[in-house]
Amino acid sequence: VANYLAVFAKVPLLHYLKNSVVVCFFAILGQIVFSSMAAYAFVYFDFPFKKQLFMVVLVTTMIPGEVVVITNYVTIQNLGLINTYLGLILPSLISGTSIFMMRQYYLTIPRDFKEAAALDGCGDMGFLFRIATPLSIPTISSLAVYLFVQIYNQFFWPLLVTNKDIMRTVQIGISQLYDIDSEQIGLMMAGVVIVLIPSL
């Protein structure tokens, strides 16, 4: 118990936790909305270079995040978004993996559903939000869990775009518990357990 109390005394872990939850919530919400709409367009619309554009989306999933981190940082810096929630969230708003997952699910929805909805006067956006999205709740849930773990555990990007304690995330907070002069393993382990709770 002493170690848990010492964690909160040493770093404002609850504030860092709040920052992480805010970043995760809006990044996941953005990814679900954008990926659902993009996937819907790839499945139900016909437009020029559709296959080629989807191949570009797939190629982006093969590019490691470290490759684009400098470009992302320069963009965020030029937009004046250092030490802001938007700066933390923006690079995580769209993902090729999310678009791919949603597209694969929409491909399993029978075309008869779309035709029946059209006969009843339901437009494309109506079909997406009233029929396709409710049917894809299991896929969205799986995607949300995957994204939460991925975004919640980010360390390098939040460290790069924040230099004020008020905007730090929980992973950086944990690193501040490490003191090279006095290795307090119990303190660090208590901090790790606290940080694991939202993931569980």
C-alpha atoms as a PDB file:
ATOM      1  CA  VAL A   1       0.000   0.000   0.000  1.00  0.00           C
ATOM      2  CA  ALA A   2       2.880   2.340   0.794  1.00  0.00           C
ATOM      3  CA  ASN A   3       4.228   1.949  -2.735  1.00  0.00           C
ATOM      4  CA  TYR A   4       0.845   2.805  -4.294  1.00  0.00           C
ATOM      5  CA  LEU A   5       0.575   5.945  -2.172  1.00  0.00           C
ATOM      6  CA  ALA A   6       4.163   6.863  -3.022  1.00  0.00           C
ATOM      7  CA  VAL A   7       3.387   6.604  -6.772  1.00  0.00           C
ATOM      8  CA  PHE A   8       0.680   9.279  -6.535  1.00  0.00           C
ATOM      9  CA  ALA A   9       2.903  11.398  -4.298  1.00  0.00           C
ATOM     10  CA  LYS A  10       5.829  11.305  -6.759  1.00  0.00           C
ATOM     11  CA  VAL A  11       4.020  11.902 -10.076  1.00  0.00           C
ATOM     12  CA  PRO A  12       0.513  13.208 -10.949  1.00  0.00           C
ATOM     13  CA  LEU A  13      -0.429   9.805 -12.357  1.00  0.00           C
ATOM     14  CA  LEU A  14      -4.196  10.443 -12.351  1.00  0.00           C
ATOM     15  CA  HIS A  15      -3.694  13.548 -14.488  1.00  0.00           C
ATOM     16  CA  TYR A  16      -1.490  11.585 -16.901  1.00  0.00           C
ATOM     17  CA  LEU A  17      -4.112   8.852 -16.944  1.00  0.00           C
ATOM     18  CA  LYS A  18      -6.791  11.411 -17.840  1.00  0.00           C
ATOM     19  CA  ASN A  19      -4.633  12.668 -20.726  1.00  0.00           C
ATOM     20  CA  SER A  20      -4.162   9.124 -22.032  1.00  0.00           C
ATOM     21  CA  VAL A  21      -7.888   8.380 -21.839  1.00  0.00           C
ATOM     22  CA  VAL A  22      -8.780  11.615 -23.678  1.00  0.00           C
ATOM     23  CA  VAL A  23      -6.253  10.871 -26.432  1.00  0.00           C
ATOM     24  CA  CYS A  24      -7.444   7.246 -26.739  1.00  0.00           C
ATOM     25  CA  PHE A  25     -11.137   8.175 -26.814  1.00  0.00           C
ATOM     26  CA  PHE A  26     -10.914  10.773 -29.583  1.00  0.00           C
ATOM     27  CA  ALA A  27      -8.328   8.857 -31.633  1.00  0.00           C
ATOM     28  CA  ILE A  28     -10.432   5.677 -31.524  1.00  0.00           C
ATOM     29  CA  LEU A  29     -13.639   7.584 -32.289  1.00  0.00           C
ATOM     30  CA  GLY A  30     -11.956   9.297 -35.237  1.00  0.00           C
ATOM     31  CA  GLN A  31     -10.535   6.046 -36.584  1.00  0.00           C
ATOM     32  CA  ILE A  32     -13.878   4.243 -36.343  1.00  0.00           C
ATOM     33  CA  VAL A  33     -15.757   7.067 -38.096  1.00  0.00           C
ATOM     34  CA  PHE A  34     -13.188   7.618 -40.859  1.00  0.00           C
ATOM     35  CA  SER A  35     -12.460   3.933 -41.446  1.00  0.00           C
ATOM     36  CA  SER A  36     -16.173   3.063 -41.561  1.00  0.00           C
ATOM     37  CA  MET A  37     -16.885   5.731 -44.156  1.00  0.00           C
ATOM     38  CA  ALA A  38     -13.796   4.930 -46.240  1.00  0.00           C
ATOM     39  CA  ALA A  39     -14.504   1.187 -46.109  1.00  0.00           C
ATOM     40  CA  TYR A  40     -18.135   1.789 -47.081  1.00  0.00           C
ATOM     41  CA  ALA A  41     -16.986   3.779 -50.117  1.00  0.00           C
ATOM     42  CA  PHE A  42     -14.572   1.010 -51.162  1.00  0.00           C
ATOM     43  CA  VAL A  43     -17.282  -1.647 -50.929  1.00  0.00           C
ATOM     44  CA  TYR A  44     -20.440   0.071 -52.201  1.00  0.00           C
ATOM     45  CA  PHE A  45     -19.248   2.835 -54.541  1.00  0.00           C
ATOM     46  CA  ASP A  46     -17.676   2.552 -57.984  1.00  0.00           C
ATOM     47  CA  PHE A  47     -15.175   5.266 -58.808  1.00  0.00           C
ATOM     48  CA  PRO A  48     -12.038   5.612 -60.977  1.00  0.00           C
ATOM     49  CA  PHE A  49      -8.843   3.969 -59.652  1.00  0.00           C
ATOM     50  CA  LYS A  50     -10.754   2.291 -56.821  1.00  0.00           C
ATOM     51  CA  LYS A  51      -8.527  -0.813 -56.721  1.00  0.00           C
ATOM     52  CA  GLN A  52      -5.340   1.218 -57.034  1.00  0.00           C
ATOM     53  CA  LEU A  53      -6.400   3.527 -54.207  1.00  0.00           C
ATOM     54  CA  PHE A  54      -7.168   0.558 -51.973  1.00  0.00           C
ATOM     55  CA  MET A  55      -3.711  -0.847 -52.781  1.00  0.00           C
ATOM     56  CA  VAL A  56      -2.228   2.463 -51.600  1.00  0.00           C
ATOM     57  CA  VAL A  57      -4.181   2.077 -48.342  1.00  0.00           C
ATOM     58  CA  LEU A  58      -2.759  -1.444 -47.927  1.00  0.00           C
ATOM     59  CA  VAL A  59       0.767  -0.226 -48.637  1.00  0.00           C
ATOM     60  CA  THR A  60       0.485   2.293 -45.785  1.00  0.00           C
ATOM     61  CA  THR A  61      -0.002  -0.612 -43.364  1.00  0.00           C
ATOM     62  CA  MET A  62       3.474  -1.867 -44.313  1.00  0.00           C
ATOM     63  CA  ILE A  63       5.225   1.410 -43.464  1.00  0.00           C
ATOM     64  CA  PRO A  64       6.566   1.474 -39.878  1.00  0.00           C
ATOM     65  CA  GLY A  65       5.469   4.466 -37.802  1.00  0.00           C
ATOM     66  CA  GLU A  66       9.111   5.381 -37.133  1.00  0.00           C
ATOM     67  CA  VAL A  67       9.595   6.190 -40.841  1.00  0.00           C
ATOM     68  CA  VAL A  68       7.085   9.068 -40.799  1.00  0.00           C
ATOM     69  CA  VAL A  69       7.686  10.333 -37.264  1.00  0.00           C
ATOM     70  CA  ILE A  70       9.897  13.266 -38.375  1.00  0.00           C
ATOM     71  CA  THR A  71       7.419  14.402 -41.045  1.00  0.00           C
ATOM     72  CA  ASN A  72       4.561  14.114 -38.569  1.00  0.00           C
ATOM     73  CA  TYR A  73       6.497  16.100 -35.969  1.00  0.00           C
ATOM     74  CA  VAL A  74       7.367  18.888 -38.418  1.00  0.00           C
ATOM     75  CA  THR A  75       3.710  19.079 -39.504  1.00  0.00           C
ATOM     76  CA  ILE A  76       2.456  19.241 -35.913  1.00  0.00           C
ATOM     77  CA  GLN A  77       5.097  21.867 -35.091  1.00  0.00           C
ATOM     78  CA  ASN A  78       4.186  24.009 -38.129  1.00  0.00           C
ATOM     79  CA  LEU A  79       0.518  23.841 -37.128  1.00  0.00           C
ATOM     80  CA  GLY A  80       1.428  25.045 -33.615  1.00  0.00           C
ATOM     81  CA  LEU A  81       0.020  21.902 -32.003  1.00  0.00           C
ATOM     82  CA  ILE A  82       2.926  21.038 -29.688  1.00  0.00           C
ATOM     83  CA  ASN A  83       1.649  20.450 -26.123  1.00  0.00           C
ATOM     84  CA  THR A  84      -1.968  20.055 -27.257  1.00  0.00           C
ATOM     85  CA  TYR A  85      -4.407  17.150 -27.316  1.00  0.00           C
ATOM     86  CA  LEU A  86      -4.816  17.658 -31.063  1.00  0.00           C
ATOM     87  CA  GLY A  87      -1.084  17.210 -31.554  1.00  0.00           C
ATOM     88  CA  LEU A  88      -1.229  13.917 -29.672  1.00  0.00           C
ATOM     89  CA  ILE A  89      -4.349  12.693 -31.481  1.00  0.00           C
ATOM     90  CA  LEU A  90      -3.895  13.837 -35.099  1.00  0.00           C
ATOM     91  CA  PRO A  91      -1.404  11.171 -36.318  1.00  0.00           C
ATOM     92  CA  SER A  92      -3.662   8.426 -34.908  1.00  0.00           C
ATOM     93  CA  LEU A  93      -6.905   9.589 -36.560  1.00  0.00           C
ATOM     94  CA  ILE A  94      -6.636   7.471 -39.716  1.00  0.00           C
ATOM     95  CA  SER A  95      -5.168   4.009 -40.195  1.00  0.00           C
ATOM     96  CA  GLY A  96      -4.964   1.695 -43.193  1.00  0.00           C
ATOM     97  CA  THR A  97      -5.413  -1.303 -40.897  1.00  0.00           C
ATOM     98  CA  SER A  98      -8.745   0.050 -39.609  1.00  0.00           C
ATOM     99  CA  ILE A  99      -9.983   0.726 -43.149  1.00  0.00           C
ATOM    100  CA  PHE A 100      -8.967  -2.795 -44.190  1.00  0.00           C
ATOM    101  CA  MET A 101     -10.750  -4.419 -41.213  1.00  0.00           C
ATOM    102  CA  MET A 102     -13.978  -2.489 -41.785  1.00  0.00           C
ATOM    103  CA  ARG A 103     -13.899  -3.143 -45.530  1.00  0.00           C
ATOM    104  CA  GLN A 104     -13.502  -6.877 -44.974  1.00  0.00           C
ATOM    105  CA  TYR A 105     -16.555  -6.882 -42.729  1.00  0.00           C
ATOM    106  CA  TYR A 106     -18.709  -4.800 -45.097  1.00  0.00           C
ATOM    107  CA  LEU A 107     -17.906  -7.287 -47.856  1.00  0.00           C
ATOM    108  CA  THR A 108     -19.705  -9.977 -45.803  1.00  0.00           C
ATOM    109  CA  ILE A 109     -22.958  -7.966 -45.602  1.00  0.00           C
ATOM    110  CA  PRO A 110     -25.347  -9.381 -48.264  1.00  0.00           C
ATOM    111  CA  ARG A 111     -26.057  -7.000 -51.147  1.00  0.00           C
ATOM    112  CA  ASP A 112     -29.745  -7.821 -50.665  1.00  0.00           C
ATOM    113  CA  PHE A 113     -29.701  -5.669 -47.515  1.00  0.00           C
ATOM    114  CA  LYS A 114     -28.529  -2.669 -49.531  1.00  0.00           C
ATOM    115  CA  GLU A 115     -31.113  -3.256 -52.252  1.00  0.00           C
ATOM    116  CA  ALA A 116     -33.942  -3.690 -49.727  1.00  0.00           C
ATOM    117  CA  ALA A 117     -32.878  -0.503 -47.933  1.00  0.00           C
ATOM    118  CA  ALA A 118     -32.792   1.395 -51.242  1.00  0.00           C
ATOM    119  CA  LEU A 119     -36.323   0.184 -52.083  1.00  0.00           C
ATOM    120  CA  ASP A 120     -37.498   1.532 -48.718  1.00  0.00           C
ATOM    121  CA  GLY A 121     -35.991   4.921 -49.542  1.00  0.00           C
ATOM    122  CA  CYS A 122     -32.862   4.564 -47.427  1.00  0.00           C
ATOM    123  CA  GLY A 123     -29.901   6.448 -48.914  1.00  0.00           C
ATOM    124  CA  ASP A 124     -26.227   5.598 -48.650  1.00  0.00           C
ATOM    125  CA  MET A 125     -25.642   7.455 -45.382  1.00  0.00           C
ATOM    126  CA  GLY A 126     -28.851   6.021 -43.940  1.00  0.00           C
ATOM    127  CA  PHE A 127     -27.760   2.487 -44.826  1.00  0.00           C
ATOM    128  CA  LEU A 128     -24.298   3.105 -43.343  1.00  0.00           C
ATOM    129  CA  PHE A 129     -25.514   4.461 -40.005  1.00  0.00           C
ATOM    130  CA  ARG A 130     -28.797   2.559 -39.600  1.00  0.00           C
ATOM    131  CA  ILE A 131     -27.918  -0.879 -40.950  1.00  0.00           C
ATOM    132  CA  ALA A 132     -24.202  -1.415 -41.705  1.00  0.00           C
ATOM    133  CA  THR A 133     -22.838   0.163 -38.517  1.00  0.00           C
ATOM    134  CA  PRO A 134     -25.155  -1.685 -36.078  1.00  0.00           C
ATOM    135  CA  LEU A 135     -24.326  -4.960 -37.855  1.00  0.00           C
ATOM    136  CA  SER A 136     -20.608  -4.253 -37.546  1.00  0.00           C
ATOM    137  CA  ILE A 137     -20.608  -3.675 -33.759  1.00  0.00           C
ATOM    138  CA  PRO A 138     -18.494  -6.840 -33.103  1.00  0.00           C
ATOM    139  CA  THR A 139     -15.862  -5.687 -35.616  1.00  0.00           C
ATOM    140  CA  ILE A 140     -15.918  -2.135 -34.242  1.00  0.00           C
ATOM    141  CA  SER A 141     -15.519  -3.488 -30.693  1.00  0.00           C
ATOM    142  CA  SER A 142     -12.524  -5.615 -31.692  1.00  0.00           C
ATOM    143  CA  LEU A 143     -11.020  -2.670 -33.542  1.00  0.00           C
ATOM    144  CA  ALA A 144     -11.563  -0.360 -30.560  1.00  0.00           C
ATOM    145  CA  VAL A 145      -9.807  -2.766 -28.167  1.00  0.00           C
ATOM    146  CA  TYR A 146      -6.887  -3.195 -30.575  1.00  0.00           C
ATOM    147  CA  LEU A 147      -6.572   0.579 -31.057  1.00  0.00           C
ATOM    148  CA  PHE A 148      -6.861   1.294 -27.334  1.00  0.00           C
ATOM    149  CA  VAL A 149      -3.946  -0.974 -26.473  1.00  0.00           C
ATOM    150  CA  GLN A 150      -1.891   0.460 -29.333  1.00  0.00           C
ATOM    151  CA  ILE A 151      -2.553   4.155 -28.581  1.00  0.00           C
ATOM    152  CA  TYR A 152      -2.557   3.817 -24.791  1.00  0.00           C
ATOM    153  CA  ASN A 153       0.925   2.243 -24.875  1.00  0.00           C
ATOM    154  CA  GLN A 154       2.477   4.930 -27.083  1.00  0.00           C
ATOM    155  CA  PHE A 155       5.622   6.378 -25.556  1.00  0.00           C
ATOM    156  CA  PHE A 156       7.814   7.993 -28.204  1.00  0.00           C
ATOM    157  CA  TRP A 157       5.199  10.199 -29.898  1.00  0.00           C
ATOM    158  CA  PRO A 158       3.782  11.733 -26.671  1.00  0.00           C
ATOM    159  CA  LEU A 159       7.361  12.269 -25.462  1.00  0.00           C
ATOM    160  CA  LEU A 160       8.176  14.048 -28.726  1.00  0.00           C
ATOM    161  CA  VAL A 161       5.205  16.430 -28.930  1.00  0.00           C
ATOM    162  CA  THR A 162       4.867  17.320 -25.236  1.00  0.00           C
ATOM    163  CA  ASN A 163       7.390  19.135 -23.083  1.00  0.00           C
ATOM    164  CA  LYS A 164       5.054  20.251 -20.319  1.00  0.00           C
ATOM    165  CA  ASP A 165       3.998  17.983 -17.460  1.00  0.00           C
ATOM    166  CA  ILE A 166       0.368  19.026 -17.856  1.00  0.00           C
ATOM    167  CA  MET A 167       0.174  17.298 -21.272  1.00  0.00           C
ATOM    168  CA  ARG A 168       2.170  14.147 -20.513  1.00  0.00           C
ATOM    169  CA  THR A 169       0.547  10.731 -20.907  1.00  0.00           C
ATOM    170  CA  VAL A 170       0.607   7.830 -18.481  1.00  0.00           C
ATOM    171  CA  GLN A 171       3.454   5.923 -20.153  1.00  0.00           C
ATOM    172  CA  ILE A 172       5.762   8.905 -19.698  1.00  0.00           C
ATOM    173  CA  GLY A 173       4.523   9.204 -16.118  1.00  0.00           C
ATOM    174  CA  ILE A 174       5.645   5.646 -15.437  1.00  0.00           C
ATOM    175  CA  SER A 175       9.115   6.384 -16.799  1.00  0.00           C
ATOM    176  CA  GLN A 176       9.421   9.265 -14.308  1.00  0.00           C
ATOM    177  CA  LEU A 177       9.145   6.764 -11.454  1.00  0.00           C
ATOM    178  CA  TYR A 178      12.532   5.337 -12.394  1.00  0.00           C
ATOM    179  CA  ASP A 179      15.362   6.864 -10.417  1.00  0.00           C
ATOM    180  CA  ILE A 180      18.827   5.726 -11.460  1.00  0.00           C
ATOM    181  CA  ASP A 181      20.301   6.564  -8.044  1.00  0.00           C
ATOM    182  CA  SER A 182      17.789   4.559  -6.024  1.00  0.00           C
ATOM    183  CA  GLU A 183      16.173   1.734  -7.948  1.00  0.00           C
ATOM    184  CA  GLN A 184      12.816   1.489  -6.221  1.00  0.00           C
ATOM    185  CA  ILE A 185      11.460  -1.599  -7.935  1.00  0.00           C
ATOM    186  CA  GLY A 186       8.389  -1.764  -5.667  1.00  0.00           C
ATOM    187  CA  LEU A 187       7.436   1.793  -6.627  1.00  0.00           C
ATOM    188  CA  MET A 188       7.740   1.068 -10.345  1.00  0.00           C
ATOM    189  CA  MET A 189       5.787  -2.187 -10.084  1.00  0.00           C
ATOM    190  CA  ALA A 190       2.985  -0.396  -8.224  1.00  0.00           C
ATOM    191  CA  GLY A 191       2.894   2.207 -10.994  1.00  0.00           C
ATOM    192  CA  VAL A 192       2.773  -0.491 -13.677  1.00  0.00           C
ATOM    193  CA  VAL A 193      -0.174  -2.202 -11.946  1.00  0.00           C
ATOM    194  CA  ILE A 194      -2.085   1.117 -11.810  1.00  0.00           C
ATOM    195  CA  VAL A 195      -1.394   1.750 -15.509  1.00  0.00           C
ATOM    196  CA  LEU A 196      -2.523  -1.771 -16.454  1.00  0.00           C
ATOM    197  CA  ILE A 197      -6.013  -1.342 -14.938  1.00  0.00           C
ATOM    198  CA  PRO A 198      -7.563   0.610 -17.887  1.00  0.00           C
ATOM    199  CA  SER A 199      -6.123  -1.912 -20.385  1.00  0.00           C
ATOM    200  CA  LEU A 200      -7.643  -4.812 -18.484  1.00  0.00           C
END
